[in-house]
Each structure stands twice: as structure tokens, then as C-alpha cells.
Amino acid sequence: MNRVGLIVSSLLVALALLSSTLFVVDQRQFGVVYALGQIKEVITEPGLSFKLPPPFQNVSYIDKRLLTLESTDSEPMLTAEKQRVVIDWYVRWRITNPSEYIRNVGLDERAGANQLNRVVRNAFQEEINKRTVKDLLSLKREALMADVKKEVLQVVRGTKPWGVDVIDVRITRVDYVEAITESVYRRMEAERKRVANELRSTGAAEGEKIRADADRQREVTIANAYRDAQKIKGEGDAEAARTYAESFGRDPQFAQFYRSLDAYKASFGKKSDVMVIDPSSDFFKAMRGSGSGTSAPAKK
């Protein structure tokens, strides 16, 4: 029994020792083998690898994927015209040389993110100090981000390379600090109200002008129509008078009789009309008959 136990124990120790010498490197990671605290080997290809058992050799892993670093603070920065603005940004970066990264930056990705955050913020502050708010909101923003990326690359590739590569630097938001933003909104609101009132006043004046012109054209049209109507009426009255004169000139007695009938018609228009007139007056001359009227002219 003791011999069997010894064999089993030996097998277990051998398996444990063997498992401590084997490790798997994922395709998303670098495998860094340490020997007594010094970097012995960097494994970049995924798969099964071998090392000495601890404490002779140890292994750690560093992410080789594309990483994203986003701004976390909201401390304002000063522009060229001394305006306080707050920007949000992000950086896309990756570790390219694990040995340099571990020697000059740190043992994990968090150490690199912390130092990169400081470098990127300083670069943004330096470049924003050279530009106005208008530049930050215009197409010149692309030039700003390119300059920041250039400065960051100069730092990470300096005399002590970080072993990282910065792929892209982007600004996601540019805004005034809260106090200035409120003041800007109030100025914008006042300006919009001023423009709106100006447009309303201009529209009201233009409306009055159009209405006055329409009224003038209406009065002119009515006056011209009345003038033409009176002219036509006058011409008609003149023609009627000429026709009457021509017709009545041929037979004066008939003309007098006809005019008397018109007078009677105008006087007795309603049944309720009452007239008190002397019967012997000339008004009833046509009713008294031809015997009391003017004698007809003698025939020649």
C-alpha cells in the first residue's frame, strides 16, 4: 500500500510540475515569461508554450487588441480668446512591444491608460490654447486632432519608447462651462427674440404698405369706373334728350300730352298718395279733354 501511495503521489507531483511548465497564450494576448523578475521571453503567437516551473519562471499576459481610452475629467481648458471650454475625447491605441511597455510604462493596460490620459490631456490643452472657439467648432477641428496625435506620438516614441502605437485621436464634444453656457443661451435667446421682433415689424410695415396700395388701387378703380359710368350716362341722357327733342319737335301737342302722363305716373305712384291741387291749374289740363286745351292748328 505504501508503494502504491508513493507512486500515486509521485504521479500527482509530476502532473502538477508538468502543468506548471505549460501555459496557453490566447490570440488576443501577449505572453511574457519572467525569469527571476527579468523578462525572459515574449510570446506573440497564440498556442501552447513551455516554461520552467515557478519560482524559476513565471508568465503574465498583456492585451494586444485595439484599446479605447476615453476622457474622464471635466476640467475646463482655455482657448486663444481666454474662453473656458470643456471637451470630451477618446484615443484608440494598442501595445506593440510588450518588453518596452513593461520596462517604461507598467505591467498592465491600466498603467498605460493612466499615463496616456495625462499626455493626451496636456497635448489638447496646448493645442486649444492656440485656437479660438470658432476653430474648435469648424473644419479646423480635424487639424487640431491631427496635431494632438502628432504630439502624443512624439512622447510615446521618445527617448524611452512606451512600446505602444496611437491609432486615432478624436473629439466627441466641445462645450462651454456651465456658467458660460447659460449666459450664451440667454444671449442667443435675446438675439433670436430681437430678430423675430424685427421680422414682425418689417412684416407689419410691409402689410400696411400692401393694404394701403390695395386701397389706393381700389379707390382709383372705383373713381375711374364712376367717371366712365357718368360719361356713358351723360352721353345716354344727351342722346335721349336729342331723340326726345327731335320727336317732340314734330308734334308739340303730343309731347305736352306725353309729359303730362309721365307727371301723372310719377305723382300717383301709390294708392295711398294724396294730392290737394286746384283742378283749374295747368297740371290737370290733359285730363280736362281736348275741348279745354289749346286748339289744334288750322290746316293750311
C-alpha atoms as a PDB file:
ATOM      1  CA  MET A   1       0.000   0.000   0.000  1.00  0.00           C
ATOM      2  CA  ASN A   2       2.819   2.347   0.825  1.00  0.00           C
ATOM      3  CA  ARG A   3       4.380   1.688  -2.542  1.00  0.00           C
ATOM      4  CA  VAL A   4       1.103   2.369  -4.398  1.00  0.00           C
ATOM      5  CA  GLY A   5       0.599   5.554  -2.452  1.00  0.00           C
ATOM      6  CA  LEU A   6       4.126   6.638  -3.271  1.00  0.00           C
ATOM      7  CA  ILE A   7       3.552   6.001  -6.976  1.00  0.00           C
ATOM      8  CA  VAL A   8       0.297   7.907  -6.956  1.00  0.00           C
ATOM      9  CA  SER A   9       1.846  10.791  -5.065  1.00  0.00           C
ATOM     10  CA  SER A  10       4.773  10.861  -7.465  1.00  0.00           C
ATOM     11  CA  LEU A  11       2.404  10.921 -10.453  1.00  0.00           C
ATOM     12  CA  LEU A  12       0.418  13.767  -8.936  1.00  0.00           C
ATOM     13  CA  VAL A  13       3.589  15.744  -8.254  1.00  0.00           C
ATOM     14  CA  ALA A  14       4.778  15.060 -11.805  1.00  0.00           C
ATOM     15  CA  LEU A  15       1.455  16.187 -13.252  1.00  0.00           C
ATOM     16  CA  ALA A  16       1.485  19.339 -11.128  1.00  0.00           C
ATOM     17  CA  LEU A  17       5.051  20.035 -12.169  1.00  0.00           C
ATOM     18  CA  LEU A  18       4.201  19.433 -15.814  1.00  0.00           C
ATOM     19  CA  SER A  19       1.121  21.659 -15.652  1.00  0.00           C
ATOM     20  CA  SER A  20       3.222  24.446 -14.142  1.00  0.00           C
ATOM     21  CA  THR A  21       5.532  24.311 -17.148  1.00  0.00           C
ATOM     22  CA  LEU A  22       2.698  24.553 -19.703  1.00  0.00           C
ATOM     23  CA  PHE A  23       0.681  27.658 -20.486  1.00  0.00           C
ATOM     24  CA  VAL A  24      -1.641  28.797 -23.275  1.00  0.00           C
ATOM     25  CA  VAL A  25      -1.336  32.146 -24.996  1.00  0.00           C
ATOM     26  CA  ASP A  26      -4.655  33.483 -26.334  1.00  0.00           C
ATOM     27  CA  GLN A  27      -4.747  35.114 -29.754  1.00  0.00           C
ATOM     28  CA  ARG A  28      -5.823  38.371 -28.078  1.00  0.00           C
ATOM     29  CA  GLN A  29      -2.814  38.493 -25.768  1.00  0.00           C
ATOM     30  CA  PHE A  30       0.953  38.607 -25.477  1.00  0.00           C
ATOM     31  CA  GLY A  31       2.588  36.077 -23.191  1.00  0.00           C
ATOM     32  CA  VAL A  32       5.526  37.473 -21.193  1.00  0.00           C
ATOM     33  CA  VAL A  33       7.801  34.955 -19.468  1.00  0.00           C
ATOM     34  CA  TYR A  34       9.795  36.226 -16.461  1.00  0.00           C
ATOM     35  CA  ALA A  35      12.911  34.579 -15.049  1.00  0.00           C
ATOM     36  CA  LEU A  36      13.741  35.822 -11.552  1.00  0.00           C
ATOM     37  CA  GLY A  37      11.968  39.142 -12.207  1.00  0.00           C
ATOM     38  CA  GLN A  38      13.562  39.722 -15.627  1.00  0.00           C
ATOM     39  CA  ILE A  39      11.789  39.391 -18.974  1.00  0.00           C
ATOM     40  CA  LYS A  40      12.999  36.143 -20.465  1.00  0.00           C
ATOM     41  CA  GLU A  41      10.748  35.811 -23.494  1.00  0.00           C
ATOM     42  CA  VAL A  42       7.781  37.464 -25.165  1.00  0.00           C
ATOM     43  CA  ILE A  43       5.406  35.110 -26.971  1.00  0.00           C
ATOM     44  CA  THR A  44       3.370  36.829 -29.660  1.00  0.00           C
ATOM     45  CA  GLU A  45       1.810  33.811 -31.382  1.00  0.00           C
ATOM     46  CA  PRO A  46      -1.182  32.012 -29.848  1.00  0.00           C
ATOM     47  CA  GLY A  47      -0.898  28.390 -28.756  1.00  0.00           C
ATOM     48  CA  LEU A  48       0.621  26.089 -26.143  1.00  0.00           C
ATOM     49  CA  SER A  49       4.042  27.089 -24.767  1.00  0.00           C
ATOM     50  CA  PHE A  50       6.558  25.801 -22.211  1.00  0.00           C
ATOM     51  CA  LYS A  51       8.480  27.408 -19.363  1.00  0.00           C
ATOM     52  CA  LEU A  52      10.300  26.424 -16.220  1.00  0.00           C
ATOM     53  CA  PRO A  53       8.137  25.847 -13.176  1.00  0.00           C
ATOM     54  CA  PRO A  54       7.820  28.589 -10.538  1.00  0.00           C
ATOM     55  CA  PRO A  55       9.719  30.195  -8.944  1.00  0.00           C
ATOM     56  CA  PHE A  56      12.240  29.885 -11.747  1.00  0.00           C
ATOM     57  CA  GLN A  57       9.926  31.301 -14.376  1.00  0.00           C
ATOM     58  CA  ASN A  58       6.512  32.977 -14.294  1.00  0.00           C
ATOM     59  CA  VAL A  59       4.196  34.167 -17.054  1.00  0.00           C
ATOM     60  CA  SER A  60       1.892  37.194 -17.362  1.00  0.00           C
ATOM     61  CA  TYR A  61      -0.398  38.353 -20.128  1.00  0.00           C
ATOM     62  CA  ILE A  62      -0.848  41.751 -21.832  1.00  0.00           C
ATOM     63  CA  ASP A  63      -3.743  42.626 -24.116  1.00  0.00           C
ATOM     64  CA  LYS A  64      -2.718  43.045 -27.761  1.00  0.00           C
ATOM     65  CA  ARG A  65      -6.120  44.262 -29.014  1.00  0.00           C
ATOM     66  CA  LEU A  66      -7.028  47.794 -30.043  1.00  0.00           C
ATOM     67  CA  LEU A  67      -7.891  49.654 -26.830  1.00  0.00           C
ATOM     68  CA  THR A  68     -10.019  52.726 -26.257  1.00  0.00           C
ATOM     69  CA  LEU A  69      -9.183  55.464 -23.765  1.00  0.00           C
ATOM     70  CA  GLU A  70     -11.930  57.996 -23.054  1.00  0.00           C
ATOM     71  CA  SER A  71     -11.618  61.273 -21.184  1.00  0.00           C
ATOM     72  CA  THR A  72     -12.818  61.076 -17.597  1.00  0.00           C
ATOM     73  CA  ASP A  73     -12.362  64.601 -16.212  1.00  0.00           C
ATOM     74  CA  SER A  74     -14.386  67.718 -16.963  1.00  0.00           C
ATOM     75  CA  GLU A  75     -11.784  70.327 -16.053  1.00  0.00           C
ATOM     76  CA  PRO A  76     -12.151  73.321 -18.441  1.00  0.00           C
ATOM     77  CA  MET A  77      -9.432  74.434 -20.850  1.00  0.00           C
ATOM     78  CA  LEU A  78      -8.666  77.970 -22.062  1.00  0.00           C
ATOM     79  CA  THR A  79      -8.889  78.900 -25.731  1.00  0.00           C
ATOM     80  CA  ALA A  80      -6.882  81.603 -27.506  1.00  0.00           C
ATOM     81  CA  GLU A  81      -9.512  84.236 -26.585  1.00  0.00           C
ATOM     82  CA  LYS A  82      -9.482  83.033 -22.937  1.00  0.00           C
ATOM     83  CA  GLN A  83     -12.803  81.226 -23.123  1.00  0.00           C
ATOM     84  CA  ARG A  84     -13.259  78.286 -20.764  1.00  0.00           C
ATOM     85  CA  VAL A  85     -14.406  75.180 -22.653  1.00  0.00           C
ATOM     86  CA  VAL A  86     -14.903  71.551 -21.747  1.00  0.00           C
ATOM     87  CA  ILE A  87     -14.064  68.849 -24.286  1.00  0.00           C
ATOM     88  CA  ASP A  88     -14.715  65.120 -24.421  1.00  0.00           C
ATOM     89  CA  TRP A  89     -12.285  62.972 -26.381  1.00  0.00           C
ATOM     90  CA  TYR A  90     -11.172  59.410 -26.923  1.00  0.00           C
ATOM     91  CA  VAL A  91      -7.972  57.706 -28.111  1.00  0.00           C
ATOM     92  CA  ARG A  92      -7.595  54.386 -29.918  1.00  0.00           C
ATOM     93  CA  TRP A  93      -4.272  52.725 -29.026  1.00  0.00           C
ATOM     94  CA  ARG A  94      -2.576  49.343 -28.742  1.00  0.00           C
ATOM     95  CA  ILE A  95       0.515  47.771 -27.202  1.00  0.00           C
ATOM     96  CA  THR A  96       3.018  46.823 -29.906  1.00  0.00           C
ATOM     97  CA  ASN A  97       6.190  45.990 -27.917  1.00  0.00           C
ATOM     98  CA  PRO A  98       5.498  44.301 -24.575  1.00  0.00           C
ATOM     99  CA  SER A  99       9.144  44.457 -23.450  1.00  0.00           C
ATOM    100  CA  GLU A 100       9.410  48.229 -23.854  1.00  0.00           C
ATOM    101  CA  TYR A 101       5.933  48.654 -22.403  1.00  0.00           C
ATOM    102  CA  ILE A 102       6.749  46.717 -19.232  1.00  0.00           C
ATOM    103  CA  ARG A 103      10.133  48.439 -18.728  1.00  0.00           C
ATOM    104  CA  ASN A 104       8.937  52.018 -19.344  1.00  0.00           C
ATOM    105  CA  VAL A 105       5.206  52.035 -18.541  1.00  0.00           C
ATOM    106  CA  GLY A 106       3.896  49.222 -16.358  1.00  0.00           C
ATOM    107  CA  LEU A 107       2.791  45.629 -16.066  1.00  0.00           C
ATOM    108  CA  ASP A 108      -0.802  46.009 -17.268  1.00  0.00           C
ATOM    109  CA  GLU A 109      -3.000  48.065 -19.578  1.00  0.00           C
ATOM    110  CA  ARG A 110      -4.274  50.314 -16.788  1.00  0.00           C
ATOM    111  CA  ALA A 111      -0.812  51.772 -16.216  1.00  0.00           C
ATOM    112  CA  GLY A 112      -0.528  52.708 -19.881  1.00  0.00           C
ATOM    113  CA  ALA A 113      -4.044  54.200 -19.920  1.00  0.00           C
ATOM    114  CA  ASN A 114      -3.285  56.414 -16.918  1.00  0.00           C
ATOM    115  CA  GLN A 115      -0.076  57.800 -18.395  1.00  0.00           C
ATOM    116  CA  LEU A 116      -1.593  58.165 -21.856  1.00  0.00           C
ATOM    117  CA  ASN A 117      -4.537  60.086 -20.389  1.00  0.00           C
ATOM    118  CA  ARG A 118      -2.129  62.636 -18.888  1.00  0.00           C
ATOM    119  CA  VAL A 119      -0.169  63.028 -22.132  1.00  0.00           C
ATOM    120  CA  VAL A 120      -3.284  63.406 -24.299  1.00  0.00           C
ATOM    121  CA  ARG A 121      -4.838  65.976 -21.976  1.00  0.00           C
ATOM    122  CA  ASN A 122      -1.647  68.070 -21.928  1.00  0.00           C
ATOM    123  CA  ALA A 123      -1.491  67.921 -25.732  1.00  0.00           C
ATOM    124  CA  PHE A 124      -5.115  69.037 -26.018  1.00  0.00           C
ATOM    125  CA  GLN A 125      -4.531  71.903 -23.579  1.00  0.00           C
ATOM    126  CA  GLU A 126      -1.507  73.097 -25.553  1.00  0.00           C
ATOM    127  CA  GLU A 127      -3.306  72.979 -28.903  1.00  0.00           C
ATOM    128  CA  ILE A 128      -6.553  74.511 -27.644  1.00  0.00           C
ATOM    129  CA  ASN A 129      -4.600  77.448 -26.219  1.00  0.00           C
ATOM    130  CA  LYS A 130      -3.598  78.262 -29.803  1.00  0.00           C
ATOM    131  CA  ARG A 131      -7.132  78.163 -31.225  1.00  0.00           C
ATOM    132  CA  THR A 132     -10.423  80.012 -30.871  1.00  0.00           C
ATOM    133  CA  VAL A 133     -13.826  78.550 -30.101  1.00  0.00           C
ATOM    134  CA  LYS A 134     -14.765  79.048 -33.753  1.00  0.00           C
ATOM    135  CA  ASP A 135     -11.820  76.883 -34.782  1.00  0.00           C
ATOM    136  CA  LEU A 136     -12.964  74.132 -32.413  1.00  0.00           C
ATOM    137  CA  LEU A 137     -16.428  74.111 -33.970  1.00  0.00           C
ATOM    138  CA  SER A 138     -15.344  74.359 -37.615  1.00  0.00           C
ATOM    139  CA  LEU A 139     -13.498  72.115 -40.039  1.00  0.00           C
ATOM    140  CA  LYS A 140     -10.241  73.156 -38.342  1.00  0.00           C
ATOM    141  CA  ARG A 141     -11.078  70.623 -35.632  1.00  0.00           C
ATOM    142  CA  GLU A 142      -9.541  67.923 -37.850  1.00  0.00           C
ATOM    143  CA  ALA A 143      -6.231  69.804 -37.857  1.00  0.00           C
ATOM    144  CA  LEU A 144      -6.422  70.091 -34.053  1.00  0.00           C
ATOM    145  CA  MET A 145      -6.865  66.342 -33.608  1.00  0.00           C
ATOM    146  CA  ALA A 146      -4.039  65.620 -36.058  1.00  0.00           C
ATOM    147  CA  ASP A 147      -1.709  67.935 -34.128  1.00  0.00           C
ATOM    148  CA  VAL A 148      -2.643  66.311 -30.805  1.00  0.00           C
ATOM    149  CA  LYS A 149      -1.986  62.853 -32.230  1.00  0.00           C
ATOM    150  CA  LYS A 150       1.399  64.025 -33.519  1.00  0.00           C
ATOM    151  CA  GLU A 151       2.391  65.374 -30.093  1.00  0.00           C
ATOM    152  CA  VAL A 152       1.275  62.206 -28.327  1.00  0.00           C
ATOM    153  CA  LEU A 153       3.258  60.027 -30.748  1.00  0.00           C
ATOM    154  CA  GLN A 154       6.352  62.150 -30.139  1.00  0.00           C
ATOM    155  CA  VAL A 155       6.041  61.424 -26.410  1.00  0.00           C
ATOM    156  CA  VAL A 156       5.375  57.672 -26.650  1.00  0.00           C
ATOM    157  CA  ARG A 157       8.160  57.246 -29.244  1.00  0.00           C
ATOM    158  CA  GLY A 158      10.690  59.417 -27.402  1.00  0.00           C
ATOM    159  CA  THR A 159      13.988  58.510 -25.802  1.00  0.00           C
ATOM    160  CA  LYS A 160      12.200  55.888 -23.710  1.00  0.00           C
ATOM    161  CA  PRO A 161       9.634  54.341 -26.036  1.00  0.00           C
ATOM    162  CA  TRP A 162       6.444  53.129 -24.465  1.00  0.00           C
ATOM    163  CA  GLY A 163       6.030  50.232 -26.871  1.00  0.00           C
ATOM    164  CA  VAL A 164       2.572  51.481 -27.870  1.00  0.00           C
ATOM    165  CA  ASP A 165       1.031  52.909 -31.016  1.00  0.00           C
ATOM    166  CA  VAL A 166      -1.658  55.625 -31.080  1.00  0.00           C
ATOM    167  CA  ILE A 167      -4.091  54.890 -33.905  1.00  0.00           C
ATOM    168  CA  ASP A 168      -6.525  57.771 -33.634  1.00  0.00           C
ATOM    169  CA  VAL A 169      -7.447  60.798 -31.507  1.00  0.00           C
ATOM    170  CA  ARG A 170     -10.987  62.185 -31.693  1.00  0.00           C
ATOM    171  CA  ILE A 171     -13.035  64.968 -30.072  1.00  0.00           C
ATOM    172  CA  THR A 172     -16.617  63.972 -29.318  1.00  0.00           C
ATOM    173  CA  ARG A 173     -17.898  67.181 -27.674  1.00  0.00           C
ATOM    174  CA  VAL A 174     -16.887  70.813 -27.252  1.00  0.00           C
ATOM    175  CA  ASP A 175     -18.928  72.952 -24.885  1.00  0.00           C
ATOM    176  CA  TYR A 176     -18.653  75.966 -22.636  1.00  0.00           C
ATOM    177  CA  VAL A 177     -18.567  75.510 -18.892  1.00  0.00           C
ATOM    178  CA  GLU A 178     -21.992  75.537 -17.293  1.00  0.00           C
ATOM    179  CA  ALA A 179     -21.986  79.194 -16.199  1.00  0.00           C
ATOM    180  CA  ILE A 180     -20.862  80.440 -19.616  1.00  0.00           C
ATOM    181  CA  THR A 181     -23.254  78.091 -21.387  1.00  0.00           C
ATOM    182  CA  GLU A 182     -26.214  79.596 -19.531  1.00  0.00           C
ATOM    183  CA  SER A 183     -25.049  83.107 -20.425  1.00  0.00           C
ATOM    184  CA  VAL A 184     -24.575  82.130 -24.066  1.00  0.00           C
ATOM    185  CA  TYR A 185     -28.055  80.610 -24.173  1.00  0.00           C
ATOM    186  CA  ARG A 186     -29.547  83.807 -22.759  1.00  0.00           C
ATOM    187  CA  ARG A 187     -27.704  85.918 -25.347  1.00  0.00           C
ATOM    188  CA  MET A 188     -28.821  83.586 -28.109  1.00  0.00           C
ATOM    189  CA  GLU A 189     -32.416  83.749 -26.887  1.00  0.00           C
ATOM    190  CA  ALA A 190     -32.306  87.557 -26.729  1.00  0.00           C
ATOM    191  CA  GLU A 191     -30.806  87.719 -30.215  1.00  0.00           C
ATOM    192  CA  ARG A 192     -33.469  85.393 -31.614  1.00  0.00           C
ATOM    193  CA  LYS A 193     -36.212  87.457 -29.991  1.00  0.00           C
ATOM    194  CA  ARG A 194     -34.721  90.646 -31.430  1.00  0.00           C
ATOM    195  CA  VAL A 195     -34.609  89.128 -34.903  1.00  0.00           C
ATOM    196  CA  ALA A 196     -38.165  87.820 -34.509  1.00  0.00           C
ATOM    197  CA  ASN A 197     -39.460  91.241 -33.402  1.00  0.00           C
ATOM    198  CA  GLU A 198     -37.617  92.892 -36.270  1.00  0.00           C
ATOM    199  CA  LEU A 199     -39.167  90.459 -38.737  1.00  0.00           C
ATOM    200  CA  ARG A 200     -42.614  91.038 -37.239  1.00  0.00           C
ATOM    201  CA  SER A 201     -42.185  94.822 -37.501  1.00  0.00           C
ATOM    202  CA  THR A 202     -40.943  94.538 -41.067  1.00  0.00           C
ATOM    203  CA  GLY A 203     -43.841  92.242 -41.924  1.00  0.00           C
ATOM    204  CA  ALA A 204     -46.378  94.585 -40.318  1.00  0.00           C
ATOM    205  CA  ALA A 205     -44.951  97.581 -42.204  1.00  0.00           C
ATOM    206  CA  GLU A 206     -44.945  95.636 -45.454  1.00  0.00           C
ATOM    207  CA  GLY A 207     -48.531  94.533 -44.768  1.00  0.00           C
ATOM    208  CA  GLU A 208     -49.634  98.125 -44.172  1.00  0.00           C
ATOM    209  CA  LYS A 209     -47.899  99.167 -47.370  1.00  0.00           C
ATOM    210  CA  ILE A 210     -49.648  96.431 -49.361  1.00  0.00           C
ATOM    211  CA  ARG A 211     -53.042  97.255 -47.821  1.00  0.00           C
ATOM    212  CA  ALA A 212     -52.561 100.994 -48.495  1.00  0.00           C
ATOM    213  CA  ASP A 213     -51.613 100.276 -52.103  1.00  0.00           C
ATOM    214  CA  ALA A 214     -54.616  97.965 -52.485  1.00  0.00           C
ATOM    215  CA  ASP A 215     -56.956 100.626 -51.013  1.00  0.00           C
ATOM    216  CA  ARG A 216     -55.469 103.240 -53.343  1.00  0.00           C
ATOM    217  CA  GLN A 217     -55.936 100.989 -56.357  1.00  0.00           C
ATOM    218  CA  ARG A 218     -59.491 100.262 -55.220  1.00  0.00           C
ATOM    219  CA  GLU A 219     -60.318 103.959 -54.921  1.00  0.00           C
ATOM    220  CA  VAL A 220     -58.727 104.685 -58.297  1.00  0.00           C
ATOM    221  CA  THR A 221     -60.630 101.816 -59.900  1.00  0.00           C
ATOM    222  CA  ILE A 222     -63.944 102.950 -58.370  1.00  0.00           C
ATOM    223  CA  ALA A 223     -63.292 106.568 -59.393  1.00  0.00           C
ATOM    224  CA  ASN A 224     -62.428 105.546 -62.945  1.00  0.00           C
ATOM    225  CA  ALA A 225     -65.499 103.327 -63.117  1.00  0.00           C
ATOM    226  CA  TYR A 226     -67.723 106.117 -61.749  1.00  0.00           C
ATOM    227  CA  ARG A 227     -66.208 108.567 -64.228  1.00  0.00           C
ATOM    228  CA  ASP A 228     -66.795 106.207 -67.119  1.00  0.00           C
ATOM    229  CA  ALA A 229     -70.325 105.450 -65.889  1.00  0.00           C
ATOM    230  CA  GLN A 230     -71.153 109.145 -65.599  1.00  0.00           C
ATOM    231  CA  LYS A 231     -69.697 109.761 -69.023  1.00  0.00           C
ATOM    232  CA  ILE A 232     -71.770 106.977 -70.533  1.00  0.00           C
ATOM    233  CA  LYS A 233     -74.840 108.133 -68.613  1.00  0.00           C
ATOM    234  CA  GLY A 234     -74.304 111.713 -69.800  1.00  0.00           C
ATOM    235  CA  GLU A 235     -73.917 110.546 -73.351  1.00  0.00           C
ATOM    236  CA  GLY A 236     -77.099 108.464 -72.968  1.00  0.00           C
ATOM    237  CA  ASP A 237     -79.023 111.388 -71.465  1.00  0.00           C
ATOM    238  CA  ALA A 238     -77.798 113.643 -74.252  1.00  0.00           C
ATOM    239  CA  GLU A 239     -78.842 111.108 -76.861  1.00  0.00           C
ATOM    240  CA  ALA A 240     -82.203 110.651 -75.137  1.00  0.00           C
ATOM    241  CA  ALA A 241     -82.718 114.407 -74.957  1.00  0.00           C
ATOM    242  CA  ARG A 242     -81.790 114.753 -78.616  1.00  0.00           C
ATOM    243  CA  THR A 243     -84.188 111.943 -79.530  1.00  0.00           C
ATOM    244  CA  TYR A 244     -86.959 113.460 -77.394  1.00  0.00           C
ATOM    245  CA  ALA A 245     -86.346 116.886 -78.846  1.00  0.00           C
ATOM    246  CA  GLU A 246     -86.369 115.541 -82.342  1.00  0.00           C
ATOM    247  CA  SER A 247     -89.513 113.508 -81.704  1.00  0.00           C
ATOM    248  CA  PHE A 248     -91.377 116.177 -79.737  1.00  0.00           C
ATOM    249  CA  GLY A 249     -90.427 118.838 -82.242  1.00  0.00           C
ATOM    250  CA  ARG A 250     -92.548 117.095 -84.848  1.00  0.00           C
ATOM    251  CA  ASP A 251     -95.737 117.245 -82.677  1.00  0.00           C
ATOM    252  CA  PRO A 252     -95.622 119.681 -79.718  1.00  0.00           C
ATOM    253  CA  GLN A 253     -99.156 118.821 -78.517  1.00  0.00           C
ATOM    254  CA  PHE A 254     -98.304 115.122 -78.289  1.00  0.00           C
ATOM    255  CA  ALA A 255     -95.133 115.978 -76.495  1.00  0.00           C
ATOM    256  CA  GLN A 256     -97.034 118.040 -73.954  1.00  0.00           C
ATOM    257  CA  PHE A 257     -99.565 115.258 -73.515  1.00  0.00           C
ATOM    258  CA  TYR A 258     -96.810 112.636 -73.092  1.00  0.00           C
ATOM    259  CA  ARG A 259     -95.017 114.691 -70.480  1.00  0.00           C
ATOM    260  CA  SER A 260     -98.316 115.168 -68.603  1.00  0.00           C
ATOM    261  CA  LEU A 261     -98.774 111.382 -68.487  1.00  0.00           C
ATOM    262  CA  ASP A 262     -95.258 110.983 -67.095  1.00  0.00           C
ATOM    263  CA  ALA A 263     -96.072 113.584 -64.449  1.00  0.00           C
ATOM    264  CA  TYR A 264     -99.304 111.791 -63.529  1.00  0.00           C
ATOM    265  CA  LYS A 265     -97.470 108.476 -63.308  1.00  0.00           C
ATOM    266  CA  ALA A 266     -94.834 109.945 -61.019  1.00  0.00           C
ATOM    267  CA  SER A 267     -97.425 111.703 -58.830  1.00  0.00           C
ATOM    268  CA  PHE A 268     -99.907 108.844 -58.418  1.00  0.00           C
ATOM    269  CA  GLY A 269     -97.408 106.026 -57.861  1.00  0.00           C
ATOM    270  CA  LYS A 270     -99.154 104.624 -54.760  1.00  0.00           C
ATOM    271  CA  LYS A 271    -102.803 104.182 -53.812  1.00  0.00           C
ATOM    272  CA  SER A 272    -102.210 105.968 -50.548  1.00  0.00           C
ATOM    273  CA  ASP A 273    -100.836 109.102 -52.227  1.00  0.00           C
ATOM    274  CA  VAL A 274    -102.963 112.183 -51.597  1.00  0.00           C
ATOM    275  CA  MET A 275    -102.624 115.444 -53.538  1.00  0.00           C
ATOM    276  CA  VAL A 276    -104.505 118.674 -52.989  1.00  0.00           C
ATOM    277  CA  ILE A 277    -104.294 120.687 -56.201  1.00  0.00           C
ATOM    278  CA  ASP A 278    -106.550 123.257 -57.784  1.00  0.00           C
ATOM    279  CA  PRO A 279    -108.402 121.448 -60.618  1.00  0.00           C
ATOM    280  CA  SER A 280    -108.258 124.563 -62.700  1.00  0.00           C
ATOM    281  CA  SER A 281    -104.472 124.504 -62.700  1.00  0.00           C
ATOM    282  CA  ASP A 282    -102.472 123.554 -65.749  1.00  0.00           C
ATOM    283  CA  PHE A 283    -101.488 120.262 -64.076  1.00  0.00           C
ATOM    284  CA  PHE A 284    -104.875 118.675 -64.984  1.00  0.00           C
ATOM    285  CA  LYS A 285    -105.007 120.287 -68.365  1.00  0.00           C
ATOM    286  CA  ALA A 286    -104.572 116.959 -70.155  1.00  0.00           C
ATOM    287  CA  MET A 287    -107.466 115.429 -68.164  1.00  0.00           C
ATOM    288  CA  ARG A 288    -109.950 118.124 -68.994  1.00  0.00           C
ATOM    289  CA  GLY A 289    -110.096 116.988 -72.584  1.00  0.00           C
ATOM    290  CA  SER A 290    -109.135 118.438 -75.873  1.00  0.00           C
ATOM    291  CA  GLY A 291    -112.017 120.952 -75.750  1.00  0.00           C
ATOM    292  CA  SER A 292    -110.466 122.900 -72.916  1.00  0.00           C
ATOM    293  CA  GLY A 293    -106.991 122.537 -74.231  1.00  0.00           C
ATOM    294  CA  THR A 294    -105.234 124.543 -76.840  1.00  0.00           C
ATOM    295  CA  SER A 295    -106.973 124.400 -80.181  1.00  0.00           C
ATOM    296  CA  ALA A 296    -105.301 122.431 -82.883  1.00  0.00           C
ATOM    297  CA  PRO A 297    -103.553 124.444 -85.515  1.00  0.00           C
ATOM    298  CA  ALA A 298    -105.560 125.157 -88.659  1.00  0.00           C
ATOM    299  CA  LYS A 299    -104.828 123.168 -91.714  1.00  0.00           C
ATOM    300  CA  LYS A 300    -103.220 125.016 -94.493  1.00  0.00           C
END
